[in-house]
Amino acid sequence: FRAGGKDISRVISIGGGAKSNQWLQIQADIFNADIIRLKSEQGPAYGAAMIAAVGCGWFPSLEACADQFVLIKETFSPRREYSRQYEALFQIYRDVYRHTKTLNERLASFRE
């Protein structure tokens, strides 16, 4: 997304992974963005309920509904030194992938 010109400064994490402080900190470092843990981790069900609430006319918009129900519990901010290391490792990964892609394609028939 960033390569396409999008500014990503925060990511909302939901589900089982959002229960782990360590995983949320790793995500913040990898994505070099704030990771937001919500008070409720029920993303899909919560989203469906909010759409229904707006559809029933209980709220004038999804934004108004979200303001009432999407509540931040805590934020994990990136640690710059780790973010720089992950970025350097990602560049190495991209080089490795480019050089091994054809080998992996040739090995695919042996995985079936």
PDB file of N, CA and C in Angstrom:
ATOM      1  N   PHE A   1       0.820  -1.197   0.000  1.00  0.00           N
ATOM      2  CA  PHE A   1       0.000   0.000   0.000  1.00  0.00           C
ATOM      3  C   PHE A   1       0.862   1.258   0.000  1.00  0.00           C
ATOM      4  N   ARG A   2       1.897   1.205   0.807  1.00  0.00           N
ATOM      5  CA  ARG A   2       2.772   2.373   0.877  1.00  0.00           C
ATOM      6  C   ARG A   2       3.438   2.643  -0.471  1.00  0.00           C
ATOM      7  N   ALA A   3       3.837   1.566  -1.161  1.00  0.00           N
ATOM      8  CA  ALA A   3       4.460   1.744  -2.475  1.00  0.00           C
ATOM      9  C   ALA A   3       3.483   2.399  -3.447  1.00  0.00           C
ATOM     10  N   GLY A   4       2.198   2.230  -3.194  1.00  0.00           N
ATOM     11  CA  GLY A   4       1.156   2.846  -4.015  1.00  0.00           C
ATOM     12  C   GLY A   4       0.796   4.256  -3.562  1.00  0.00           C
ATOM     13  N   GLY A   5       1.518   4.788  -2.592  1.00  0.00           N
ATOM     14  CA  GLY A   5       1.288   6.155  -2.150  1.00  0.00           C
ATOM     15  C   GLY A   5       0.374   6.312  -0.951  1.00  0.00           C
ATOM     16  N   LYS A   6      -0.055   5.200  -0.349  1.00  0.00           N
ATOM     17  CA  LYS A   6      -0.933   5.283   0.823  1.00  0.00           C
ATOM     18  C   LYS A   6      -0.121   5.496   2.096  1.00  0.00           C
ATOM     19  N   ASP A   7      -0.605   6.369   2.963  1.00  0.00           N
ATOM     20  CA  ASP A   7       0.024   6.614   4.256  1.00  0.00           C
ATOM     21  C   ASP A   7      -0.613   5.686   5.277  1.00  0.00           C
ATOM     22  N   ILE A   8       0.158   4.786   5.815  1.00  0.00           N
ATOM     23  CA  ILE A   8      -0.353   3.848   6.818  1.00  0.00           C
ATOM     24  C   ILE A   8       0.375   4.133   8.121  1.00  0.00           C
ATOM     25  N   SER A   9      -0.320   4.784   9.032  1.00  0.00           N
ATOM     26  CA  SER A   9       0.311   5.140  10.296  1.00  0.00           C
ATOM     27  C   SER A   9      -0.224   4.311  11.460  1.00  0.00           C
ATOM     28  N   ARG A  10      -1.349   3.604  11.234  1.00  0.00           N
ATOM     29  CA  ARG A  10      -1.882   2.743  12.295  1.00  0.00           C
ATOM     30  C   ARG A  10      -2.661   1.591  11.683  1.00  0.00           C
ATOM     31  N   VAL A  11      -2.665   0.485  12.413  1.00  0.00           N
ATOM     32  CA  VAL A  11      -3.338  -0.735  12.003  1.00  0.00           C
ATOM     33  C   VAL A  11      -4.134  -1.220  13.201  1.00  0.00           C
ATOM     34  N   ILE A  12      -5.365  -1.641  12.983  1.00  0.00           N
ATOM     35  CA  ILE A  12      -6.186  -2.179  14.064  1.00  0.00           C
ATOM     36  C   ILE A  12      -6.079  -3.691  14.028  1.00  0.00           C
ATOM     37  N   SER A  13      -5.717  -4.279  15.153  1.00  0.00           N
ATOM     38  CA  SER A  13      -5.550  -5.716  15.260  1.00  0.00           C
ATOM     39  C   SER A  13      -6.724  -6.312  16.027  1.00  0.00           C
ATOM     40  N   ILE A  14      -7.275  -7.403  15.488  1.00  0.00           N
ATOM     41  CA  ILE A  14      -8.396  -8.090  16.130  1.00  0.00           C
ATOM     42  C   ILE A  14      -8.122  -9.585  16.142  1.00  0.00           C
ATOM     43  N   GLY A  15      -8.960 -10.323  16.824  1.00  0.00           N
ATOM     44  CA  GLY A  15      -8.845 -11.770  16.851  1.00  0.00           C
ATOM     45  C   GLY A  15      -7.879 -12.253  17.910  1.00  0.00           C
ATOM     46  N   GLY A  16      -7.570 -13.546  17.836  1.00  0.00           N
ATOM     47  CA  GLY A  16      -6.727 -14.170  18.840  1.00  0.00           C
ATOM     48  C   GLY A  16      -5.355 -13.539  18.977  1.00  0.00           C
ATOM     49  N   GLY A  17      -4.762 -13.141  17.853  1.00  0.00           N
ATOM     50  CA  GLY A  17      -3.442 -12.520  17.901  1.00  0.00           C
ATOM     51  C   GLY A  17      -3.415 -11.220  18.682  1.00  0.00           C
ATOM     52  N   ALA A  18      -4.548 -10.563  18.763  1.00  0.00           N
ATOM     53  CA  ALA A  18      -4.627  -9.289  19.476  1.00  0.00           C
ATOM     54  C   ALA A  18      -4.549  -9.470  20.993  1.00  0.00           C
ATOM     55  N   LYS A  19      -4.536 -10.712  21.445  1.00  0.00           N
ATOM     56  CA  LYS A  19      -4.425 -10.971  22.883  1.00  0.00           C
ATOM     57  C   LYS A  19      -2.973 -10.961  23.357  1.00  0.00           C
ATOM     58  N   SER A  20      -2.040 -11.040  22.409  1.00  0.00           N
ATOM     59  CA  SER A  20      -0.629 -11.145  22.758  1.00  0.00           C
ATOM     60  C   SER A  20       0.083  -9.805  22.633  1.00  0.00           C
ATOM     61  N   ASN A  21       0.546  -9.282  23.750  1.00  0.00           N
ATOM     62  CA  ASN A  21       1.309  -8.031  23.731  1.00  0.00           C
ATOM     63  C   ASN A  21       2.550  -8.165  22.854  1.00  0.00           C
ATOM     64  N   GLN A  22       3.219  -9.305  22.965  1.00  0.00           N
ATOM     65  CA  GLN A  22       4.449  -9.503  22.202  1.00  0.00           C
ATOM     66  C   GLN A  22       4.165  -9.485  20.694  1.00  0.00           C
ATOM     67  N   TRP A  23       3.124 -10.171  20.268  1.00  0.00           N
ATOM     68  CA  TRP A  23       2.777 -10.203  18.847  1.00  0.00           C
ATOM     69  C   TRP A  23       2.390  -8.806  18.352  1.00  0.00           C
ATOM     70  N   LEU A  24       1.656  -8.057  19.133  1.00  0.00           N
ATOM     71  CA  LEU A  24       1.264  -6.707  18.723  1.00  0.00           C
ATOM     72  C   LEU A  24       2.493  -5.798  18.610  1.00  0.00           C
ATOM     73  N   GLN A  25       3.456  -5.959  19.517  1.00  0.00           N
ATOM     74  CA  GLN A  25       4.672  -5.157  19.423  1.00  0.00           C
ATOM     75  C   GLN A  25       5.491  -5.540  18.194  1.00  0.00           C
ATOM     76  N   ILE A  26       5.568  -6.827  17.899  1.00  0.00           N
ATOM     77  CA  ILE A  26       6.274  -7.276  16.695  1.00  0.00           C
ATOM     78  C   ILE A  26       5.609  -6.693  15.455  1.00  0.00           C
ATOM     79  N   GLN A  27       4.280  -6.713  15.410  1.00  0.00           N
ATOM     80  CA  GLN A  27       3.562  -6.127  14.268  1.00  0.00           C
ATOM     81  C   GLN A  27       3.885  -4.642  14.131  1.00  0.00           C
ATOM     82  N   ALA A  28       3.895  -3.927  15.239  1.00  0.00           N
ATOM     83  CA  ALA A  28       4.202  -2.492  15.195  1.00  0.00           C
ATOM     84  C   ALA A  28       5.594  -2.272  14.616  1.00  0.00           C
ATOM     85  N   ASP A  29       6.540  -3.100  15.040  1.00  0.00           N
ATOM     86  CA  ASP A  29       7.903  -2.959  14.542  1.00  0.00           C
ATOM     87  C   ASP A  29       8.000  -3.316  13.062  1.00  0.00           C
ATOM     88  N   ILE A  30       7.351  -4.395  12.653  1.00  0.00           N
ATOM     89  CA  ILE A  30       7.406  -4.829  11.248  1.00  0.00           C
ATOM     90  C   ILE A  30       6.721  -3.821  10.338  1.00  0.00           C
ATOM     91  N   PHE A  31       5.523  -3.400  10.703  1.00  0.00           N
ATOM     92  CA  PHE A  31       4.748  -2.484   9.853  1.00  0.00           C
ATOM     93  C   PHE A  31       5.185  -1.035  10.001  1.00  0.00           C
ATOM     94  N   ASN A  32       6.016  -0.763  11.008  1.00  0.00           N
ATOM     95  CA  ASN A  32       6.434   0.606  11.318  1.00  0.00           C
ATOM     96  C   ASN A  32       5.213   1.519  11.414  1.00  0.00           C
ATOM     97  N   ALA A  33       4.254   1.055  12.195  1.00  0.00           N
ATOM     98  CA  ALA A  33       2.996   1.776  12.390  1.00  0.00           C
ATOM     99  C   ALA A  33       2.459   1.443  13.778  1.00  0.00           C
ATOM    100  N   ASP A  34       1.637   2.323  14.319  1.00  0.00           N
ATOM    101  CA  ASP A  34       0.961   2.025  15.575  1.00  0.00           C
ATOM    102  C   ASP A  34      -0.001   0.874  15.367  1.00  0.00           C
ATOM    103  N   ILE A  35       0.008  -0.063  16.296  1.00  0.00           N
ATOM    104  CA  ILE A  35      -0.951  -1.168  16.268  1.00  0.00           C
ATOM    105  C   ILE A  35      -1.948  -0.905  17.393  1.00  0.00           C
ATOM    106  N   ILE A  36      -3.208  -0.889  17.028  1.00  0.00           N
ATOM    107  CA  ILE A  36      -4.289  -0.568  17.966  1.00  0.00           C
ATOM    108  C   ILE A  36      -4.973  -1.858  18.416  1.00  0.00           C
ATOM    109  N   ARG A  37      -5.053  -2.036  19.730  1.00  0.00           N
ATOM    110  CA  ARG A  37      -5.856  -3.126  20.292  1.00  0.00           C
ATOM    111  C   ARG A  37      -7.171  -2.507  20.754  1.00  0.00           C
ATOM    112  N   LEU A  38      -8.260  -3.078  20.292  1.00  0.00           N
ATOM    113  CA  LEU A  38      -9.577  -2.575  20.681  1.00  0.00           C
ATOM    114  C   LEU A  38     -10.029  -3.224  21.983  1.00  0.00           C
ATOM    115  N   LYS A  39     -10.979  -2.585  22.640  1.00  0.00           N
ATOM    116  CA  LYS A  39     -11.555  -3.159  23.865  1.00  0.00           C
ATOM    117  C   LYS A  39     -12.285  -4.455  23.550  1.00  0.00           C
ATOM    118  N   SER A  40     -12.875  -4.549  22.361  1.00  0.00           N
ATOM    119  CA  SER A  40     -13.532  -5.780  21.923  1.00  0.00           C
ATOM    120  C   SER A  40     -12.791  -6.306  20.712  1.00  0.00           C
ATOM    121  N   GLU A  41     -12.425  -7.586  20.740  1.00  0.00           N
ATOM    122  CA  GLU A  41     -11.695  -8.171  19.620  1.00  0.00           C
ATOM    123  C   GLU A  41     -12.626  -8.862  18.617  1.00  0.00           C
ATOM    124  N   GLN A  42     -13.908  -8.678  18.760  1.00  0.00           N
ATOM    125  CA  GLN A  42     -14.877  -9.341  17.900  1.00  0.00           C
ATOM    126  C   GLN A  42     -15.105  -8.569  16.601  1.00  0.00           C
ATOM    127  N   GLY A  43     -14.103  -8.482  15.778  1.00  0.00           N
ATOM    128  CA  GLY A  43     -14.154  -7.675  14.559  1.00  0.00           C
ATOM    129  C   GLY A  43     -15.299  -7.980  13.618  1.00  0.00           C
ATOM    130  N   PRO A  44     -15.341  -9.173  13.008  1.00  0.00           N
ATOM    131  CA  PRO A  44     -16.382  -9.452  12.022  1.00  0.00           C
ATOM    132  C   PRO A  44     -17.802  -9.373  12.599  1.00  0.00           C
ATOM    133  N   ALA A  45     -18.014  -9.990  13.760  1.00  0.00           N
ATOM    134  CA  ALA A  45     -19.350  -9.966  14.366  1.00  0.00           C
ATOM    135  C   ALA A  45     -19.747  -8.549  14.760  1.00  0.00           C
ATOM    136  N   TYR A  46     -18.796  -7.827  15.304  1.00  0.00           N
ATOM    137  CA  TYR A  46     -19.046  -6.436  15.710  1.00  0.00           C
ATOM    138  C   TYR A  46     -19.390  -5.584  14.488  1.00  0.00           C
ATOM    139  N   GLY A  47     -18.634  -5.767  13.427  1.00  0.00           N
ATOM    140  CA  GLY A  47     -18.889  -5.020  12.194  1.00  0.00           C
ATOM    141  C   GLY A  47     -20.274  -5.306  11.638  1.00  0.00           C
ATOM    142  N   ALA A  48     -20.675  -6.578  11.635  1.00  0.00           N
ATOM    143  CA  ALA A  48     -22.002  -6.946  11.140  1.00  0.00           C
ATOM    144  C   ALA A  48     -23.095  -6.327  12.006  1.00  0.00           C
ATOM    145  N   ALA A  49     -22.879  -6.334  13.321  1.00  0.00           N
ATOM    146  CA  ALA A  49     -23.864  -5.738  14.234  1.00  0.00           C
ATOM    147  C   ALA A  49     -23.966  -4.231  14.010  1.00  0.00           C
ATOM    148  N   MET A  50     -22.839  -3.582  13.752  1.00  0.00           N
ATOM    149  CA  MET A  50     -22.862  -2.138  13.520  1.00  0.00           C
ATOM    150  C   MET A  50     -23.583  -1.814  12.211  1.00  0.00           C
ATOM    151  N   ILE A  51     -23.347  -2.607  11.182  1.00  0.00           N
ATOM    152  CA  ILE A  51     -24.054  -2.393   9.913  1.00  0.00           C
ATOM    153  C   ILE A  51     -25.553  -2.560  10.122  1.00  0.00           C
ATOM    154  N   ALA A  52     -25.941  -3.577  10.900  1.00  0.00           N
ATOM    155  CA  ALA A  52     -27.359  -3.796  11.189  1.00  0.00           C
ATOM    156  C   ALA A  52     -27.945  -2.620  11.976  1.00  0.00           C
ATOM    157  N   ALA A  53     -27.188  -2.113  12.942  1.00  0.00           N
ATOM    158  CA  ALA A  53     -27.670  -0.985  13.753  1.00  0.00           C
ATOM    159  C   ALA A  53     -27.904   0.249  12.890  1.00  0.00           C
ATOM    160  N   VAL A  54     -27.002   0.500  11.958  1.00  0.00           N
ATOM    161  CA  VAL A  54     -27.183   1.639  11.040  1.00  0.00           C
ATOM    162  C   VAL A  54     -28.374   1.375  10.132  1.00  0.00           C
ATOM    163  N   GLY A  55     -28.482   0.136   9.652  1.00  0.00           N
ATOM    164  CA  GLY A  55     -29.602  -0.237   8.786  1.00  0.00           C
ATOM    165  C   GLY A  55     -30.955  -0.095   9.474  1.00  0.00           C
ATOM    166  N   CYS A  56     -30.989  -0.317  10.783  1.00  0.00           N
ATOM    167  CA  CYS A  56     -32.225  -0.166  11.555  1.00  0.00           C
ATOM    168  C   CYS A  56     -32.527   1.294  11.875  1.00  0.00           C
ATOM    169  N   GLY A  57     -31.600   2.174  11.516  1.00  0.00           N
ATOM    170  CA  GLY A  57     -31.819   3.592  11.785  1.00  0.00           C
ATOM    171  C   GLY A  57     -31.412   4.042  13.169  1.00  0.00           C
ATOM    172  N   TRP A  58     -30.715   3.198  13.913  1.00  0.00           N
ATOM    173  CA  TRP A  58     -30.311   3.550  15.265  1.00  0.00           C
ATOM    174  C   TRP A  58     -29.178   4.563  15.267  1.00  0.00           C
ATOM    175  N   PHE A  59     -28.435   4.642  14.159  1.00  0.00           N
ATOM    176  CA  PHE A  59     -27.338   5.598  13.993  1.00  0.00           C
ATOM    177  C   PHE A  59     -27.438   6.197  12.598  1.00  0.00           C
ATOM    178  N   PRO A  60     -27.060   7.442  12.431  1.00  0.00           N
ATOM    179  CA  PRO A  60     -27.159   8.085  11.119  1.00  0.00           C
ATOM    180  C   PRO A  60     -26.096   7.616  10.128  1.00  0.00           C
ATOM    181  N   SER A  61     -24.993   7.032  10.634  1.00  0.00           N
ATOM    182  CA  SER A  61     -23.919   6.596   9.740  1.00  0.00           C
ATOM    183  C   SER A  61     -23.061   5.552  10.448  1.00  0.00           C
ATOM    184  N   LEU A  62     -22.257   4.831   9.668  1.00  0.00           N
ATOM    185  CA  LEU A  62     -21.320   3.885  10.272  1.00  0.00           C
ATOM    186  C   LEU A  62     -20.293   4.608  11.137  1.00  0.00           C
ATOM    187  N   GLU A  63     -19.903   5.800  10.709  1.00  0.00           N
ATOM    188  CA  GLU A  63     -18.937   6.557  11.499  1.00  0.00           C
ATOM    189  C   GLU A  63     -19.486   6.875  12.882  1.00  0.00           C
ATOM    190  N   ALA A  64     -20.751   7.291  12.934  1.00  0.00           N
ATOM    191  CA  ALA A  64     -21.378   7.616  14.215  1.00  0.00           C
ATOM    192  C   ALA A  64     -21.492   6.370  15.091  1.00  0.00           C
ATOM    193  N   CYS A  65     -21.830   5.256  14.483  1.00  0.00           N
ATOM    194  CA  CYS A  65     -21.931   3.992  15.212  1.00  0.00           C
ATOM    195  C   CYS A  65     -20.547   3.584  15.728  1.00  0.00           C
ATOM    196  N   ALA A  66     -19.538   3.669  14.869  1.00  0.00           N
ATOM    197  CA  ALA A  66     -18.181   3.292  15.263  1.00  0.00           C
ATOM    198  C   ALA A  66     -17.675   4.158  16.405  1.00  0.00           C
ATOM    199  N   ASP A  67     -18.040   5.433  16.388  1.00  0.00           N
ATOM    200  CA  ASP A  67     -17.613   6.318  17.472  1.00  0.00           C
ATOM    201  C   ASP A  67     -18.115   5.830  18.831  1.00  0.00           C
ATOM    202  N   GLN A  68     -19.253   5.160  18.837  1.00  0.00           N
ATOM    203  CA  GLN A  68     -19.830   4.663  20.084  1.00  0.00           C
ATOM    204  C   GLN A  68     -19.287   3.288  20.492  1.00  0.00           C
ATOM    205  N   PHE A  69     -18.945   2.456  19.495  1.00  0.00           N
ATOM    206  CA  PHE A  69     -18.638   1.061  19.805  1.00  0.00           C
ATOM    207  C   PHE A  69     -17.199   0.629  19.562  1.00  0.00           C
ATOM    208  N   VAL A  70     -16.480   1.292  18.713  1.00  0.00           N
ATOM    209  CA  VAL A  70     -15.091   0.914  18.443  1.00  0.00           C
ATOM    210  C   VAL A  70     -14.206   1.730  19.383  1.00  0.00           C
ATOM    211  N   LEU A  71     -13.818   1.084  20.463  1.00  0.00           N
ATOM    212  CA  LEU A  71     -13.079   1.764  21.519  1.00  0.00           C
ATOM    213  C   LEU A  71     -11.669   1.195  21.638  1.00  0.00           C
ATOM    214  N   ILE A  72     -10.692   2.074  21.672  1.00  0.00           N
ATOM    215  CA  ILE A  72      -9.293   1.673  21.755  1.00  0.00           C
ATOM    216  C   ILE A  72      -8.941   1.291  23.188  1.00  0.00           C
ATOM    217  N   LYS A  73      -8.327   0.121  23.332  1.00  0.00           N
ATOM    218  CA  LYS A  73      -7.853  -0.321  24.639  1.00  0.00           C
ATOM    219  C   LYS A  73      -6.420   0.142  24.866  1.00  0.00           C
ATOM    220  N   GLU A  74      -5.553  -0.086  23.867  1.00  0.00           N
ATOM    221  CA  GLU A  74      -4.176   0.374  23.974  1.00  0.00           C
ATOM    222  C   GLU A  74      -3.518   0.414  22.610  1.00  0.00           C
ATOM    223  N   THR A  75      -2.388   1.097  22.555  1.00  0.00           N
ATOM    224  CA  THR A  75      -1.649   1.280  21.310  1.00  0.00           C
ATOM    225  C   THR A  75      -0.218   0.808  21.496  1.00  0.00           C
ATOM    226  N   PHE A  76       0.280   0.080  20.506  1.00  0.00           N
ATOM    227  CA  PHE A  76       1.664  -0.380  20.487  1.00  0.00           C
ATOM    228  C   PHE A  76       2.374   0.401  19.387  1.00  0.00           C
ATOM    229  N   SER A  77       3.377   1.161  19.767  1.00  0.00           N
ATOM    230  CA  SER A  77       4.106   2.004  18.809  1.00  0.00           C
ATOM    231  C   SER A  77       5.383   1.305  18.368  1.00  0.00           C
ATOM    232  N   PRO A  78       5.778   1.549  17.115  1.00  0.00           N
ATOM    233  CA  PRO A  78       6.993   0.893  16.620  1.00  0.00           C
ATOM    234  C   PRO A  78       8.240   1.407  17.325  1.00  0.00           C
ATOM    235  N   ARG A  79       9.166   0.500  17.514  1.00  0.00           N
ATOM    236  CA  ARG A  79      10.482   0.848  18.030  1.00  0.00           C
ATOM    237  C   ARG A  79      11.381   1.030  16.801  1.00  0.00           C
ATOM    238  N   ARG A  80      11.859   2.231  16.586  1.00  0.00           N
ATOM    239  CA  ARG A  80      12.551   2.586  15.339  1.00  0.00           C
ATOM    240  C   ARG A  80      13.712   1.656  15.006  1.00  0.00           C
ATOM    241  N   GLU A  81      14.516   1.284  16.019  1.00  0.00           N
ATOM    242  CA  GLU A  81      15.675   0.433  15.726  1.00  0.00           C
ATOM    243  C   GLU A  81      15.245  -0.936  15.200  1.00  0.00           C
ATOM    244  N   TYR A  82      14.129  -1.477  15.728  1.00  0.00           N
ATOM    245  CA  TYR A  82      13.623  -2.757  15.252  1.00  0.00           C
ATOM    246  C   TYR A  82      12.981  -2.606  13.870  1.00  0.00           C
ATOM    247  N   SER A  83      12.261  -1.532  13.672  1.00  0.00           N
ATOM    248  CA  SER A  83      11.648  -1.288  12.359  1.00  0.00           C
ATOM    249  C   SER A  83      12.705  -1.226  11.270  1.00  0.00           C
ATOM    250  N   ARG A  84      13.814  -0.565  11.548  1.00  0.00           N
ATOM    251  CA  ARG A  84      14.904  -0.481  10.562  1.00  0.00           C
ATOM    252  C   ARG A  84      15.482  -1.872  10.276  1.00  0.00           C
ATOM    253  N   GLN A  85      15.624  -2.685  11.310  1.00  0.00           N
ATOM    254  CA  GLN A  85      16.148  -4.039  11.111  1.00  0.00           C
ATOM    255  C   GLN A  85      15.190  -4.882  10.275  1.00  0.00           C
ATOM    256  N   TYR A  86      13.894  -4.798  10.565  1.00  0.00           N
ATOM    257  CA  TYR A  86      12.916  -5.563   9.781  1.00  0.00           C
ATOM    258  C   TYR A  86      12.905  -5.104   8.326  1.00  0.00           C
ATOM    259  N   GLU A  87      13.045  -3.816   8.096  1.00  0.00           N
ATOM    260  CA  GLU A  87      13.084  -3.306   6.726  1.00  0.00           C
ATOM    261  C   GLU A  87      14.299  -3.855   5.991  1.00  0.00           C
ATOM    262  N   ALA A  88      15.455  -3.875   6.638  1.00  0.00           N
ATOM    263  CA  ALA A  88      16.667  -4.427   6.019  1.00  0.00           C
ATOM    264  C   ALA A  88      16.500  -5.919   5.740  1.00  0.00           C
ATOM    265  N   LEU A  89      15.915  -6.652   6.696  1.00  0.00           N
ATOM    266  CA  LEU A  89      15.673  -8.080   6.483  1.00  0.00           C
ATOM    267  C   LEU A  89      14.686  -8.322   5.341  1.00  0.00           C
ATOM    268  N   PHE A  90      13.694  -7.465   5.216  1.00  0.00           N
ATOM    269  CA  PHE A  90      12.720  -7.611   4.132  1.00  0.00           C
ATOM    270  C   PHE A  90      13.391  -7.432   2.772  1.00  0.00           C
ATOM    271  N   GLN A  91      14.316  -6.500   2.687  1.00  0.00           N
ATOM    272  CA  GLN A  91      15.030  -6.308   1.419  1.00  0.00           C
ATOM    273  C   GLN A  91      15.857  -7.547   1.079  1.00  0.00           C
ATOM    274  N   ILE A  92      16.474  -8.159   2.072  1.00  0.00           N
ATOM    275  CA  ILE A  92      17.219  -9.402   1.847  1.00  0.00           C
ATOM    276  C   ILE A  92      16.264 -10.504   1.411  1.00  0.00           C
ATOM    277  N   TYR A  93      15.120 -10.614   2.082  1.00  0.00           N
ATOM    278  CA  TYR A  93      14.112 -11.611   1.716  1.00  0.00           C
ATOM    279  C   TYR A  93      13.692 -11.447   0.256  1.00  0.00           C
ATOM    280  N   ARG A  94      13.468 -10.212  -0.160  1.00  0.00           N
ATOM    281  CA  ARG A  94      13.058  -9.972  -1.545  1.00  0.00           C
ATOM    282  C   ARG A  94      14.126 -10.461  -2.522  1.00  0.00           C
ATOM    283  N   ASP A  95      15.379 -10.233  -2.199  1.00  0.00           N
ATOM    284  CA  ASP A  95      16.466 -10.720  -3.051  1.00  0.00           C
ATOM    285  C   ASP A  95      16.500 -12.244  -3.083  1.00  0.00           C
ATOM    286  N   VAL A  96      16.380 -12.867  -1.906  1.00  0.00           N
ATOM    287  CA  VAL A  96      16.387 -14.329  -1.833  1.00  0.00           C
ATOM    288  C   VAL A  96      15.214 -14.886  -2.642  1.00  0.00           C
ATOM    289  N   TYR A  97      14.046 -14.314  -2.468  1.00  0.00           N
ATOM    290  CA  TYR A  97      12.855 -14.796  -3.180  1.00  0.00           C
ATOM    291  C   TYR A  97      13.055 -14.697  -4.691  1.00  0.00           C
ATOM    292  N   ARG A  98      13.548 -13.558  -5.142  1.00  0.00           N
ATOM    293  CA  ARG A  98      13.752 -13.365  -6.575  1.00  0.00           C
ATOM    294  C   ARG A  98      14.708 -14.422  -7.132  1.00  0.00           C
ATOM    295  N   HIS A  99      15.718 -14.783  -6.348  1.00  0.00           N
ATOM    296  CA  HIS A  99      16.716 -15.736  -6.823  1.00  0.00           C
ATOM    297  C   HIS A  99      16.266 -17.193  -6.687  1.00  0.00           C
ATOM    298  N   THR A 100      15.289 -17.469  -5.843  1.00  0.00           N
ATOM    299  CA  THR A 100      14.858 -18.859  -5.623  1.00  0.00           C
ATOM    300  C   THR A 100      13.469 -19.155  -6.169  1.00  0.00           C
ATOM    301  N   LYS A 101      12.798 -18.170  -6.727  1.00  0.00           N
ATOM    302  CA  LYS A 101      11.427 -18.362  -7.211  1.00  0.00           C
ATOM    303  C   LYS A 101      11.356 -19.496  -8.235  1.00  0.00           C
ATOM    304  N   THR A 102      12.240 -19.510  -9.193  1.00  0.00           N
ATOM    305  CA  THR A 102      12.183 -20.563 -10.217  1.00  0.00           C
ATOM    306  C   THR A 102      12.486 -21.928  -9.614  1.00  0.00           C
ATOM    307  N   LEU A 103      13.383 -21.992  -8.638  1.00  0.00           N
ATOM    308  CA  LEU A 103      13.643 -23.271  -7.978  1.00  0.00           C
ATOM    309  C   LEU A 103      12.396 -23.783  -7.267  1.00  0.00           C
ATOM    310  N   ASN A 104      11.698 -22.893  -6.577  1.00  0.00           N
ATOM    311  CA  ASN A 104      10.457 -23.284  -5.895  1.00  0.00           C
ATOM    312  C   ASN A 104       9.404 -23.753  -6.887  1.00  0.00           C
ATOM    313  N   GLU A 105       9.311 -23.099  -8.010  1.00  0.00           N
ATOM    314  CA  GLU A 105       8.353 -23.526  -9.038  1.00  0.00           C
ATOM    315  C   GLU A 105       8.710 -24.914  -9.546  1.00  0.00           C
ATOM    316  N   ARG A 106       9.988 -25.190  -9.730  1.00  0.00           N
ATOM    317  CA  ARG A 106      10.418 -26.502 -10.197  1.00  0.00           C
ATOM    318  C   ARG A 106      10.162 -27.583  -9.144  1.00  0.00           C
ATOM    319  N   LEU A 107      10.224 -27.228  -7.879  1.00  0.00           N
ATOM    320  CA  LEU A 107       9.983 -28.184  -6.792  1.00  0.00           C
ATOM    321  C   LEU A 107       8.499 -28.433  -6.528  1.00  0.00           C
ATOM    322  N   ALA A 108       7.634 -27.610  -7.074  1.00  0.00           N
ATOM    323  CA  ALA A 108       6.196 -27.691  -6.760  1.00  0.00           C
ATOM    324  C   ALA A 108       5.612 -29.074  -7.035  1.00  0.00           C
ATOM    325  N   SER A 109       6.013 -29.708  -8.102  1.00  0.00           N
ATOM    326  CA  SER A 109       5.428 -31.021  -8.450  1.00  0.00           C
ATOM    327  C   SER A 109       5.770 -32.086  -7.414  1.00  0.00           C
ATOM    328  N   PHE A 110       6.803 -31.890  -6.624  1.00  0.00           N
ATOM    329  CA  PHE A 110       7.179 -32.867  -5.605  1.00  0.00           C
ATOM    330  C   PHE A 110       6.395 -32.682  -4.306  1.00  0.00           C
ATOM    331  N   ARG A 111       5.626 -31.620  -4.200  1.00  0.00           N
ATOM    332  CA  ARG A 111       4.860 -31.346  -2.988  1.00  0.00           C
ATOM    333  C   ARG A 111       3.461 -31.933  -3.024  1.00  0.00           C
ATOM    334  N   GLU A 112       3.074 -32.462  -4.147  1.00  0.00           N
ATOM    335  CA  GLU A 112       1.691 -32.945  -4.294  1.00  0.00           C
ATOM    336  C   GLU A 112       1.468 -34.302  -3.735  1.00  0.00           C
TER     337      GLU A 112
END
